[in-house]
Amino acid sequence: MKRPDRLRVNAVGDLVNKQFFFDGKTITLYDKDEEVYGVIDVPPSIEEALDKAHKDFGLRVALTDLASPQLWDHISRKIEHSLYVGVHKVRGVPCHHLALDGGDVHLQVWIDTGTKPLPRKVVFLQKKLEGSPQWTAYLSDWKTAPHLADALFKFTPPTGVQKIKFVPAKQTPVPGEEKGDKP
């Protein structure tokens, strides 16, 4: 991340192999396995761009809340129960283990007990989605003041990759509002 207008996420796992690019003007999502990518125009700040991508296209990018200056606001308004579990090691590093329950989402965070209290592990469980999917991320090699070239945030399609259109998300009606009942 390079504030205020650059973000890149590389997601690799058992079920995903995608790259997300935000260059201050567009968001590009590249699916390496399917060899396709899509581009949308977005506002120039990270938070506004992510908000537009979510509202208009249903696109959510895992762990981007960790980069938000409003991280605590995002998390705290949804917490119903919390627990300090204790100090436990993550890959040999002693960490404070916190468990936060937000009803349909359960979040566990391990924060380094050392002089730089940075997250080392995050487990995110969607309890109400089919199959209760869970994501685990190990966070290491933190660089809090990196020198990142703008080219890192710009997508250049590999040969043979197809550009596709983002499809707008279906609008879900607000409970209690029928057609014509909007204020």
N, C-alpha and C. Protein backbone atom coordinates (compact mmCIF):
# COMPACT_ATOMS: atom_id res chain seq x y z
N MET A 1 0.84 -1.18 0.00
CA MET A 1 0.00 0.00 0.00
C MET A 1 0.88 1.24 0.00
N LYS A 2 0.43 2.23 -0.71
CA LYS A 2 1.11 3.52 -0.74
C LYS A 2 0.00 4.57 -0.66
N ARG A 3 -0.18 5.14 0.51
CA ARG A 3 -1.24 6.11 0.72
C ARG A 3 -0.97 7.38 -0.05
N PRO A 4 -1.98 8.03 -0.57
CA PRO A 4 -3.40 7.79 -0.36
C PRO A 4 -4.08 7.00 -1.47
N ASP A 5 -3.32 6.62 -2.53
CA ASP A 5 -4.00 6.15 -3.73
C ASP A 5 -3.36 4.97 -4.45
N ARG A 6 -2.72 4.07 -3.72
CA ARG A 6 -2.13 2.89 -4.34
C ARG A 6 -2.32 1.69 -3.41
N LEU A 7 -2.75 0.55 -4.00
CA LEU A 7 -2.94 -0.67 -3.22
C LEU A 7 -2.77 -1.86 -4.14
N ARG A 8 -2.12 -2.89 -3.64
CA ARG A 8 -1.99 -4.14 -4.39
C ARG A 8 -2.11 -5.29 -3.41
N VAL A 9 -2.85 -6.30 -3.82
CA VAL A 9 -3.01 -7.50 -3.01
C VAL A 9 -2.80 -8.71 -3.92
N ASN A 10 -1.91 -9.59 -3.52
CA ASN A 10 -1.71 -10.86 -4.20
C ASN A 10 -2.30 -11.94 -3.30
N ALA A 11 -3.30 -12.65 -3.80
CA ALA A 11 -3.97 -13.69 -3.01
C ALA A 11 -3.69 -15.05 -3.65
N VAL A 12 -3.00 -15.89 -2.90
CA VAL A 12 -2.68 -17.23 -3.39
C VAL A 12 -3.05 -18.22 -2.30
N GLY A 13 -3.80 -19.24 -2.68
CA GLY A 13 -4.19 -20.26 -1.72
C GLY A 13 -4.76 -21.46 -2.43
N ASP A 14 -5.41 -22.33 -1.66
CA ASP A 14 -5.98 -23.55 -2.21
C ASP A 14 -7.05 -23.26 -3.25
N LEU A 15 -7.82 -22.19 -3.05
CA LEU A 15 -8.96 -21.91 -3.91
C LEU A 15 -8.86 -20.61 -4.69
N VAL A 16 -7.78 -19.89 -4.52
CA VAL A 16 -7.69 -18.58 -5.15
C VAL A 16 -6.26 -18.32 -5.64
N ASN A 17 -6.18 -17.65 -6.78
CA ASN A 17 -4.91 -17.22 -7.33
C ASN A 17 -5.18 -15.94 -8.13
N LYS A 18 -5.35 -14.84 -7.37
CA LYS A 18 -5.76 -13.57 -7.98
C LYS A 18 -4.84 -12.44 -7.53
N GLN A 19 -4.84 -11.40 -8.36
CA GLN A 19 -4.12 -10.19 -8.01
C GLN A 19 -5.07 -9.01 -8.15
N PHE A 20 -4.95 -8.08 -7.20
CA PHE A 20 -5.77 -6.88 -7.14
C PHE A 20 -4.84 -5.68 -7.26
N PHE A 21 -5.18 -4.76 -8.16
CA PHE A 21 -4.37 -3.56 -8.36
C PHE A 21 -5.26 -2.33 -8.27
N PHE A 22 -4.82 -1.33 -7.51
CA PHE A 22 -5.47 -0.02 -7.50
C PHE A 22 -4.37 1.01 -7.73
N ASP A 23 -4.51 1.77 -8.82
CA ASP A 23 -3.46 2.71 -9.21
C ASP A 23 -3.83 4.18 -9.02
N GLY A 24 -4.92 4.44 -8.28
CA GLY A 24 -5.38 5.81 -8.07
C GLY A 24 -6.47 6.23 -9.03
N LYS A 25 -6.72 5.42 -10.06
CA LYS A 25 -7.75 5.73 -11.05
C LYS A 25 -8.66 4.53 -11.32
N THR A 26 -8.05 3.35 -11.36
CA THR A 26 -8.81 2.13 -11.68
C THR A 26 -8.48 1.01 -10.71
N ILE A 27 -9.41 0.09 -10.61
CA ILE A 27 -9.18 -1.18 -9.93
C ILE A 27 -9.14 -2.24 -11.01
N THR A 28 -8.13 -3.09 -10.94
CA THR A 28 -8.02 -4.23 -11.85
C THR A 28 -7.97 -5.49 -11.00
N LEU A 29 -8.80 -6.46 -11.35
CA LEU A 29 -8.78 -7.77 -10.71
C LEU A 29 -8.36 -8.78 -11.75
N TYR A 30 -7.28 -9.50 -11.48
CA TYR A 30 -6.70 -10.45 -12.42
C TYR A 30 -6.80 -11.85 -11.82
N ASP A 31 -7.47 -12.75 -12.51
CA ASP A 31 -7.58 -14.15 -12.11
C ASP A 31 -6.56 -14.93 -12.92
N LYS A 32 -5.47 -15.32 -12.27
CA LYS A 32 -4.38 -15.99 -12.97
C LYS A 32 -4.79 -17.36 -13.49
N ASP A 33 -5.60 -18.09 -12.73
CA ASP A 33 -6.00 -19.44 -13.15
C ASP A 33 -6.93 -19.41 -14.35
N GLU A 34 -7.85 -18.45 -14.38
CA GLU A 34 -8.82 -18.35 -15.48
C GLU A 34 -8.28 -17.52 -16.65
N GLU A 35 -7.14 -16.85 -16.42
CA GLU A 35 -6.49 -16.01 -17.43
C GLU A 35 -7.43 -14.91 -17.95
N VAL A 36 -8.09 -14.23 -17.00
CA VAL A 36 -8.96 -13.10 -17.32
C VAL A 36 -8.70 -11.97 -16.33
N TYR A 37 -9.08 -10.75 -16.76
CA TYR A 37 -8.99 -9.61 -15.86
C TYR A 37 -10.10 -8.63 -16.21
N GLY A 38 -10.49 -7.83 -15.20
CA GLY A 38 -11.49 -6.80 -15.39
C GLY A 38 -11.00 -5.51 -14.77
N VAL A 39 -11.47 -4.39 -15.33
CA VAL A 39 -11.04 -3.07 -14.88
C VAL A 39 -12.28 -2.21 -14.65
N ILE A 40 -12.29 -1.47 -13.53
CA ILE A 40 -13.36 -0.50 -13.28
C ILE A 40 -12.74 0.84 -12.89
N ASP A 41 -13.42 1.91 -13.29
CA ASP A 41 -13.01 3.25 -12.88
C ASP A 41 -13.53 3.51 -11.48
N VAL A 42 -12.68 4.10 -10.63
CA VAL A 42 -13.04 4.33 -9.23
C VAL A 42 -12.52 5.68 -8.77
N PRO A 43 -13.02 6.16 -7.63
CA PRO A 43 -12.50 7.42 -7.06
C PRO A 43 -11.02 7.27 -6.67
N PRO A 44 -10.34 8.40 -6.42
CA PRO A 44 -8.89 8.37 -6.24
C PRO A 44 -8.34 7.94 -4.89
N SER A 45 -9.14 7.74 -3.85
CA SER A 45 -8.57 7.31 -2.57
C SER A 45 -8.86 5.82 -2.35
N ILE A 46 -8.01 5.19 -1.59
CA ILE A 46 -8.14 3.75 -1.33
C ILE A 46 -9.52 3.42 -0.77
N GLU A 47 -9.94 4.12 0.29
CA GLU A 47 -11.21 3.81 0.94
C GLU A 47 -12.40 4.02 0.00
N GLU A 48 -12.39 5.14 -0.75
CA GLU A 48 -13.49 5.42 -1.68
C GLU A 48 -13.52 4.40 -2.82
N ALA A 49 -12.36 4.02 -3.31
CA ALA A 49 -12.28 3.04 -4.39
C ALA A 49 -12.82 1.68 -3.93
N LEU A 50 -12.40 1.25 -2.75
CA LEU A 50 -12.87 -0.04 -2.23
C LEU A 50 -14.37 -0.01 -1.96
N ASP A 51 -14.85 1.12 -1.45
CA ASP A 51 -16.28 1.26 -1.17
C ASP A 51 -17.10 1.18 -2.47
N LYS A 52 -16.66 1.86 -3.51
CA LYS A 52 -17.37 1.82 -4.79
C LYS A 52 -17.35 0.41 -5.38
N ALA A 53 -16.21 -0.25 -5.32
CA ALA A 53 -16.09 -1.62 -5.86
C ALA A 53 -17.04 -2.57 -5.13
N HIS A 54 -17.17 -2.37 -3.83
CA HIS A 54 -18.07 -3.22 -3.06
C HIS A 54 -19.54 -2.91 -3.35
N LYS A 55 -19.89 -1.62 -3.31
CA LYS A 55 -21.29 -1.24 -3.53
C LYS A 55 -21.78 -1.53 -4.94
N ASP A 56 -20.98 -1.21 -5.94
CA ASP A 56 -21.42 -1.35 -7.32
C ASP A 56 -21.24 -2.75 -7.90
N PHE A 57 -20.20 -3.46 -7.43
CA PHE A 57 -19.87 -4.74 -8.05
C PHE A 57 -19.78 -5.91 -7.08
N GLY A 58 -20.03 -5.66 -5.78
CA GLY A 58 -19.97 -6.74 -4.80
C GLY A 58 -18.55 -7.25 -4.57
N LEU A 59 -17.54 -6.47 -4.97
CA LEU A 59 -16.15 -6.87 -4.83
C LEU A 59 -15.64 -6.53 -3.44
N ARG A 60 -15.20 -7.55 -2.73
CA ARG A 60 -14.57 -7.35 -1.42
C ARG A 60 -13.18 -7.93 -1.51
N VAL A 61 -12.22 -7.21 -1.01
CA VAL A 61 -10.83 -7.65 -1.06
C VAL A 61 -10.40 -8.00 0.35
N ALA A 62 -10.06 -9.27 0.53
CA ALA A 62 -9.70 -9.78 1.85
C ALA A 62 -8.57 -8.98 2.49
N LEU A 63 -8.73 -8.72 3.77
CA LEU A 63 -7.72 -8.10 4.63
C LEU A 63 -7.43 -6.63 4.34
N THR A 64 -8.15 -6.00 3.42
CA THR A 64 -7.87 -4.58 3.16
C THR A 64 -8.26 -3.70 4.34
N ASP A 65 -9.15 -4.17 5.20
CA ASP A 65 -9.47 -3.38 6.39
C ASP A 65 -8.23 -3.16 7.25
N LEU A 66 -7.26 -4.09 7.19
CA LEU A 66 -6.03 -3.92 7.97
C LEU A 66 -5.26 -2.68 7.54
N ALA A 67 -5.46 -2.22 6.32
CA ALA A 67 -4.76 -1.04 5.81
C ALA A 67 -5.54 0.25 6.04
N SER A 68 -6.71 0.14 6.60
CA SER A 68 -7.57 1.31 6.77
C SER A 68 -7.18 2.13 7.99
N PRO A 69 -7.16 3.47 7.84
CA PRO A 69 -6.92 4.30 9.02
C PRO A 69 -8.11 4.24 9.99
N GLN A 70 -9.25 3.72 9.52
CA GLN A 70 -10.43 3.55 10.38
C GLN A 70 -10.61 2.09 10.79
N LEU A 71 -9.51 1.33 10.90
CA LEU A 71 -9.59 -0.09 11.21
C LEU A 71 -10.44 -0.36 12.45
N TRP A 72 -10.16 0.34 13.54
CA TRP A 72 -10.91 0.08 14.77
C TRP A 72 -12.40 0.39 14.57
N ASP A 73 -12.73 1.45 13.84
CA ASP A 73 -14.14 1.77 13.57
C ASP A 73 -14.82 0.64 12.80
N HIS A 74 -14.13 0.06 11.80
CA HIS A 74 -14.69 -1.04 11.01
C HIS A 74 -14.99 -2.24 11.90
N ILE A 75 -14.04 -2.56 12.77
CA ILE A 75 -14.17 -3.75 13.60
C ILE A 75 -15.12 -3.53 14.77
N SER A 76 -14.95 -2.44 15.50
CA SER A 76 -15.66 -2.25 16.76
C SER A 76 -17.17 -2.12 16.62
N ARG A 77 -17.66 -1.57 15.52
CA ARG A 77 -19.10 -1.40 15.40
C ARG A 77 -19.82 -2.73 15.19
N LYS A 78 -19.09 -3.78 14.88
CA LYS A 78 -19.70 -5.08 14.64
C LYS A 78 -19.48 -6.07 15.77
N ILE A 79 -18.64 -5.73 16.74
CA ILE A 79 -18.30 -6.67 17.81
C ILE A 79 -19.45 -6.82 18.80
N GLU A 80 -19.83 -8.07 19.03
CA GLU A 80 -20.83 -8.39 20.06
C GLU A 80 -20.16 -8.97 21.30
N HIS A 81 -19.08 -9.72 21.09
CA HIS A 81 -18.33 -10.32 22.20
C HIS A 81 -16.85 -10.29 21.85
N SER A 82 -16.02 -10.14 22.89
CA SER A 82 -14.58 -10.18 22.66
C SER A 82 -13.91 -10.92 23.82
N LEU A 83 -12.74 -11.47 23.52
CA LEU A 83 -12.02 -12.24 24.52
C LEU A 83 -10.52 -12.08 24.30
N TYR A 84 -9.80 -11.78 25.37
CA TYR A 84 -8.35 -11.82 25.31
C TYR A 84 -7.96 -13.24 25.68
N VAL A 85 -7.43 -13.99 24.73
CA VAL A 85 -7.15 -15.41 24.92
C VAL A 85 -5.84 -15.62 25.67
N GLY A 86 -4.87 -14.73 25.47
CA GLY A 86 -3.58 -14.85 26.14
C GLY A 86 -2.44 -14.65 25.16
N VAL A 87 -1.23 -14.98 25.62
CA VAL A 87 -0.06 -14.87 24.76
C VAL A 87 0.23 -16.25 24.17
N HIS A 88 0.29 -16.30 22.85
CA HIS A 88 0.59 -17.53 22.12
C HIS A 88 1.56 -17.21 21.00
N LYS A 89 2.33 -18.19 20.58
CA LYS A 89 3.32 -17.97 19.53
C LYS A 89 2.73 -18.19 18.14
N VAL A 90 3.14 -17.31 17.24
CA VAL A 90 2.82 -17.45 15.81
C VAL A 90 4.17 -17.54 15.11
N ARG A 91 4.44 -18.73 14.58
CA ARG A 91 5.72 -18.98 13.91
C ARG A 91 6.90 -18.54 14.76
N GLY A 92 6.81 -18.87 16.07
CA GLY A 92 7.89 -18.61 17.00
C GLY A 92 7.87 -17.24 17.65
N VAL A 93 6.96 -16.36 17.26
CA VAL A 93 6.89 -15.00 17.80
C VAL A 93 5.77 -14.90 18.83
N PRO A 94 6.07 -14.50 20.09
CA PRO A 94 5.01 -14.34 21.09
C PRO A 94 4.02 -13.24 20.68
N CYS A 95 2.73 -13.56 20.77
CA CYS A 95 1.69 -12.63 20.33
C CYS A 95 0.51 -12.63 21.28
N HIS A 96 -0.12 -11.46 21.41
CA HIS A 96 -1.39 -11.36 22.12
C HIS A 96 -2.46 -11.93 21.19
N HIS A 97 -3.25 -12.85 21.70
CA HIS A 97 -4.29 -13.51 20.91
C HIS A 97 -5.64 -12.92 21.32
N LEU A 98 -6.35 -12.32 20.36
CA LEU A 98 -7.66 -11.72 20.60
C LEU A 98 -8.70 -12.45 19.76
N ALA A 99 -9.86 -12.68 20.35
CA ALA A 99 -10.98 -13.28 19.62
C ALA A 99 -12.15 -12.29 19.66
N LEU A 100 -12.71 -11.99 18.49
CA LEU A 100 -13.79 -11.01 18.37
C LEU A 100 -14.95 -11.66 17.62
N ASP A 101 -16.14 -11.57 18.19
CA ASP A 101 -17.31 -12.19 17.57
C ASP A 101 -18.29 -11.10 17.18
N GLY A 102 -18.65 -11.09 15.90
CA GLY A 102 -19.58 -10.09 15.40
C GLY A 102 -20.86 -10.70 14.87
N GLY A 103 -21.33 -11.78 15.45
CA GLY A 103 -22.56 -12.41 15.00
C GLY A 103 -22.32 -13.33 13.83
N ASP A 104 -22.32 -12.79 12.60
CA ASP A 104 -22.10 -13.65 11.44
C ASP A 104 -20.62 -13.74 11.06
N VAL A 105 -19.77 -12.97 11.74
CA VAL A 105 -18.33 -13.00 11.47
C VAL A 105 -17.58 -13.20 12.78
N HIS A 106 -16.61 -14.09 12.73
CA HIS A 106 -15.73 -14.31 13.87
C HIS A 106 -14.31 -14.00 13.42
N LEU A 107 -13.61 -13.17 14.19
CA LEU A 107 -12.27 -12.74 13.84
C LEU A 107 -11.32 -13.04 15.00
N GLN A 108 -10.19 -13.64 14.67
CA GLN A 108 -9.12 -13.82 15.64
C GLN A 108 -7.88 -13.10 15.11
N VAL A 109 -7.19 -12.41 16.01
CA VAL A 109 -6.00 -11.66 15.63
C VAL A 109 -4.91 -11.94 16.64
N TRP A 110 -3.70 -12.15 16.13
CA TRP A 110 -2.52 -12.33 16.96
C TRP A 110 -1.60 -11.15 16.71
N ILE A 111 -1.30 -10.36 17.77
CA ILE A 111 -0.51 -9.14 17.65
C ILE A 111 0.80 -9.30 18.40
N ASP A 112 1.89 -9.02 17.72
CA ASP A 112 3.25 -9.14 18.25
C ASP A 112 3.36 -8.43 19.60
N THR A 113 3.93 -9.11 20.60
CA THR A 113 4.10 -8.52 21.94
C THR A 113 5.35 -7.64 22.02
N GLY A 114 6.16 -7.62 20.98
CA GLY A 114 7.42 -6.87 20.98
C GLY A 114 7.23 -5.38 20.84
N THR A 115 8.31 -4.71 20.45
CA THR A 115 8.31 -3.25 20.37
C THR A 115 7.48 -2.72 19.19
N LYS A 116 7.16 -3.58 18.22
CA LYS A 116 6.31 -3.20 17.09
C LYS A 116 5.05 -4.07 17.12
N PRO A 117 3.98 -3.57 17.74
CA PRO A 117 2.77 -4.38 17.90
C PRO A 117 1.96 -4.50 16.60
N LEU A 118 2.50 -5.27 15.67
CA LEU A 118 1.86 -5.47 14.38
C LEU A 118 1.18 -6.83 14.33
N PRO A 119 0.09 -6.94 13.57
CA PRO A 119 -0.58 -8.25 13.44
C PRO A 119 0.35 -9.27 12.79
N ARG A 120 0.34 -10.50 13.34
CA ARG A 120 1.15 -11.59 12.80
C ARG A 120 0.29 -12.68 12.16
N LYS A 121 -0.97 -12.76 12.63
CA LYS A 121 -1.87 -13.78 12.09
C LYS A 121 -3.30 -13.27 12.23
N VAL A 122 -4.12 -13.58 11.23
CA VAL A 122 -5.53 -13.22 11.25
C VAL A 122 -6.32 -14.43 10.77
N VAL A 123 -7.37 -14.78 11.51
CA VAL A 123 -8.29 -15.83 11.08
C VAL A 123 -9.67 -15.20 11.02
N PHE A 124 -10.31 -15.33 9.87
CA PHE A 124 -11.59 -14.69 9.60
C PHE A 124 -12.57 -15.78 9.20
N LEU A 125 -13.66 -15.91 9.96
CA LEU A 125 -14.66 -16.96 9.73
C LEU A 125 -16.01 -16.32 9.42
N GLN A 126 -16.60 -16.69 8.29
CA GLN A 126 -17.93 -16.22 7.90
C GLN A 126 -18.93 -17.29 8.34
N LYS A 127 -19.49 -17.14 9.52
CA LYS A 127 -20.34 -18.18 10.11
C LYS A 127 -21.63 -18.43 9.35
N LYS A 128 -22.20 -17.41 8.73
CA LYS A 128 -23.51 -17.58 8.11
C LYS A 128 -23.46 -17.86 6.61
N LEU A 129 -22.29 -17.86 6.01
CA LEU A 129 -22.19 -18.24 4.61
C LEU A 129 -22.17 -19.76 4.51
N GLU A 130 -22.64 -20.27 3.39
CA GLU A 130 -22.68 -21.72 3.19
C GLU A 130 -21.28 -22.31 3.38
N GLY A 131 -21.20 -23.32 4.21
CA GLY A 131 -19.93 -23.98 4.49
C GLY A 131 -19.07 -23.27 5.51
N SER A 132 -19.53 -22.13 6.03
CA SER A 132 -18.77 -21.33 7.00
C SER A 132 -17.30 -21.19 6.59
N PRO A 133 -17.03 -20.54 5.46
CA PRO A 133 -15.64 -20.43 4.99
C PRO A 133 -14.76 -19.66 5.97
N GLN A 134 -13.52 -20.09 6.03
CA GLN A 134 -12.55 -19.48 6.93
C GLN A 134 -11.29 -19.13 6.15
N TRP A 135 -10.75 -17.94 6.41
CA TRP A 135 -9.51 -17.49 5.79
C TRP A 135 -8.47 -17.29 6.88
N THR A 136 -7.27 -17.73 6.62
CA THR A 136 -6.16 -17.53 7.54
C THR A 136 -5.04 -16.82 6.78
N ALA A 137 -4.49 -15.80 7.42
CA ALA A 137 -3.37 -15.08 6.81
C ALA A 137 -2.27 -14.94 7.85
N TYR A 138 -1.06 -15.28 7.44
CA TYR A 138 0.12 -15.04 8.26
C TYR A 138 0.80 -13.80 7.71
N LEU A 139 1.05 -12.85 8.58
CA LEU A 139 1.61 -11.56 8.17
C LEU A 139 3.02 -11.44 8.74
N SER A 140 3.99 -11.30 7.88
CA SER A 140 5.37 -11.22 8.35
C SER A 140 6.15 -10.26 7.47
N ASP A 141 7.37 -10.04 7.82
CA ASP A 141 8.26 -9.18 7.04
C ASP A 141 7.63 -7.81 6.79
N TRP A 142 7.07 -7.24 7.87
CA TRP A 142 6.44 -5.92 7.77
C TRP A 142 7.47 -4.86 7.39
N LYS A 143 7.09 -4.01 6.48
CA LYS A 143 7.89 -2.84 6.13
C LYS A 143 6.97 -1.63 6.31
N THR A 144 7.18 -0.88 7.39
CA THR A 144 6.27 0.21 7.71
C THR A 144 6.60 1.51 6.98
N ALA A 145 7.74 1.57 6.34
CA ALA A 145 8.10 2.77 5.55
C ALA A 145 8.78 2.33 4.25
N PRO A 146 8.08 1.56 3.42
CA PRO A 146 8.72 1.06 2.20
C PRO A 146 8.81 2.14 1.11
N HIS A 147 9.72 1.92 0.19
CA HIS A 147 9.84 2.77 -0.99
C HIS A 147 9.32 1.92 -2.16
N LEU A 148 8.09 2.21 -2.58
CA LEU A 148 7.43 1.40 -3.60
C LEU A 148 7.22 2.21 -4.88
N ALA A 149 7.64 1.64 -5.99
CA ALA A 149 7.48 2.30 -7.30
C ALA A 149 6.01 2.23 -7.71
N ASP A 150 5.52 3.29 -8.37
CA ASP A 150 4.13 3.31 -8.84
C ASP A 150 3.84 2.15 -9.80
N ALA A 151 4.83 1.66 -10.52
CA ALA A 151 4.64 0.55 -11.46
C ALA A 151 4.16 -0.72 -10.76
N LEU A 152 4.46 -0.88 -9.48
CA LEU A 152 4.02 -2.05 -8.72
C LEU A 152 2.49 -2.12 -8.64
N PHE A 153 1.83 -0.98 -8.76
CA PHE A 153 0.38 -0.90 -8.60
C PHE A 153 -0.37 -0.84 -9.94
N LYS A 154 0.35 -0.94 -11.02
CA LYS A 154 -0.22 -0.86 -12.37
C LYS A 154 -0.21 -2.26 -12.99
N PHE A 155 -1.36 -2.69 -13.48
CA PHE A 155 -1.47 -4.01 -14.09
C PHE A 155 -1.09 -3.96 -15.57
N THR A 156 -0.22 -4.86 -15.96
CA THR A 156 0.12 -5.06 -17.37
C THR A 156 -0.29 -6.48 -17.73
N PRO A 157 -1.28 -6.64 -18.59
CA PRO A 157 -1.77 -7.99 -18.88
C PRO A 157 -0.73 -8.86 -19.59
N PRO A 158 -0.57 -10.07 -19.09
CA PRO A 158 0.32 -11.01 -19.78
C PRO A 158 -0.27 -11.39 -21.15
N THR A 159 0.55 -11.86 -22.03
CA THR A 159 0.10 -12.31 -23.35
C THR A 159 -0.93 -13.42 -23.21
N GLY A 160 -2.01 -13.30 -23.99
CA GLY A 160 -3.03 -14.34 -24.01
C GLY A 160 -4.11 -14.20 -22.96
N VAL A 161 -4.02 -13.19 -22.10
CA VAL A 161 -5.02 -12.97 -21.06
C VAL A 161 -6.16 -12.15 -21.64
N GLN A 162 -7.40 -12.55 -21.32
CA GLN A 162 -8.58 -11.90 -21.88
C GLN A 162 -9.15 -10.86 -20.92
N LYS A 163 -9.49 -9.69 -21.45
CA LYS A 163 -10.16 -8.65 -20.66
C LYS A 163 -11.66 -8.92 -20.68
N ILE A 164 -12.28 -8.90 -19.50
CA ILE A 164 -13.72 -9.11 -19.39
C ILE A 164 -14.32 -7.93 -18.63
N LYS A 165 -15.66 -7.81 -18.68
CA LYS A 165 -16.35 -6.72 -17.99
C LYS A 165 -16.75 -7.15 -16.58
N PHE A 166 -16.67 -6.21 -15.66
CA PHE A 166 -17.25 -6.42 -14.35
C PHE A 166 -18.77 -6.34 -14.50
N VAL A 167 -19.47 -7.20 -13.82
CA VAL A 167 -20.93 -7.19 -13.87
C VAL A 167 -21.42 -6.54 -12.58
N PRO A 168 -22.29 -5.51 -12.66
CA PRO A 168 -22.79 -4.87 -11.44
C PRO A 168 -23.50 -5.88 -10.53
N ALA A 169 -23.33 -5.67 -9.23
CA ALA A 169 -23.99 -6.54 -8.25
C ALA A 169 -25.48 -6.30 -8.28
N LYS A 170 -26.24 -7.34 -7.97
CA LYS A 170 -27.69 -7.19 -7.86
C LYS A 170 -27.98 -6.35 -6.63
N GLN A 171 -28.91 -5.44 -6.76
CA GLN A 171 -29.29 -4.59 -5.64
C GLN A 171 -30.25 -5.37 -4.75
N THR A 172 -29.91 -5.50 -3.48
CA THR A 172 -30.76 -6.18 -2.52
C THR A 172 -31.67 -5.17 -1.88
N PRO A 173 -33.00 -5.40 -1.90
CA PRO A 173 -33.90 -4.43 -1.29
C PRO A 173 -33.67 -4.34 0.22
N VAL A 174 -33.83 -3.15 0.73
CA VAL A 174 -33.71 -2.93 2.17
C VAL A 174 -34.97 -3.47 2.83
N PRO A 175 -34.82 -4.32 3.90
CA PRO A 175 -36.02 -4.86 4.57
C PRO A 175 -36.96 -3.75 5.00
N GLY A 176 -38.26 -3.93 4.73
CA GLY A 176 -39.27 -2.95 5.12
C GLY A 176 -39.55 -1.91 4.06
N GLU A 177 -38.71 -1.88 3.02
CA GLU A 177 -38.93 -0.91 1.94
C GLU A 177 -39.46 -1.65 0.72
N GLU A 178 -40.64 -1.33 0.32
CA GLU A 178 -41.23 -1.88 -0.89
C GLU A 178 -41.04 -0.87 -2.00
N LYS A 179 -41.30 -1.24 -3.22
CA LYS A 179 -41.19 -0.28 -4.32
C LYS A 179 -42.07 0.93 -4.04
N GLY A 180 -41.48 2.08 -4.18
CA GLY A 180 -42.23 3.32 -3.96
C GLY A 180 -42.28 3.76 -2.51
N ASP A 181 -41.80 2.94 -1.57
CA ASP A 181 -41.85 3.30 -0.15
C ASP A 181 -40.59 3.99 0.34
N LYS A 182 -39.64 4.24 -0.54
CA LYS A 182 -38.38 4.84 -0.11
C LYS A 182 -38.63 6.26 0.36
N PRO A 183 -37.92 6.68 1.41
CA PRO A 183 -38.11 8.04 1.93
C PRO A 183 -37.63 9.09 0.96
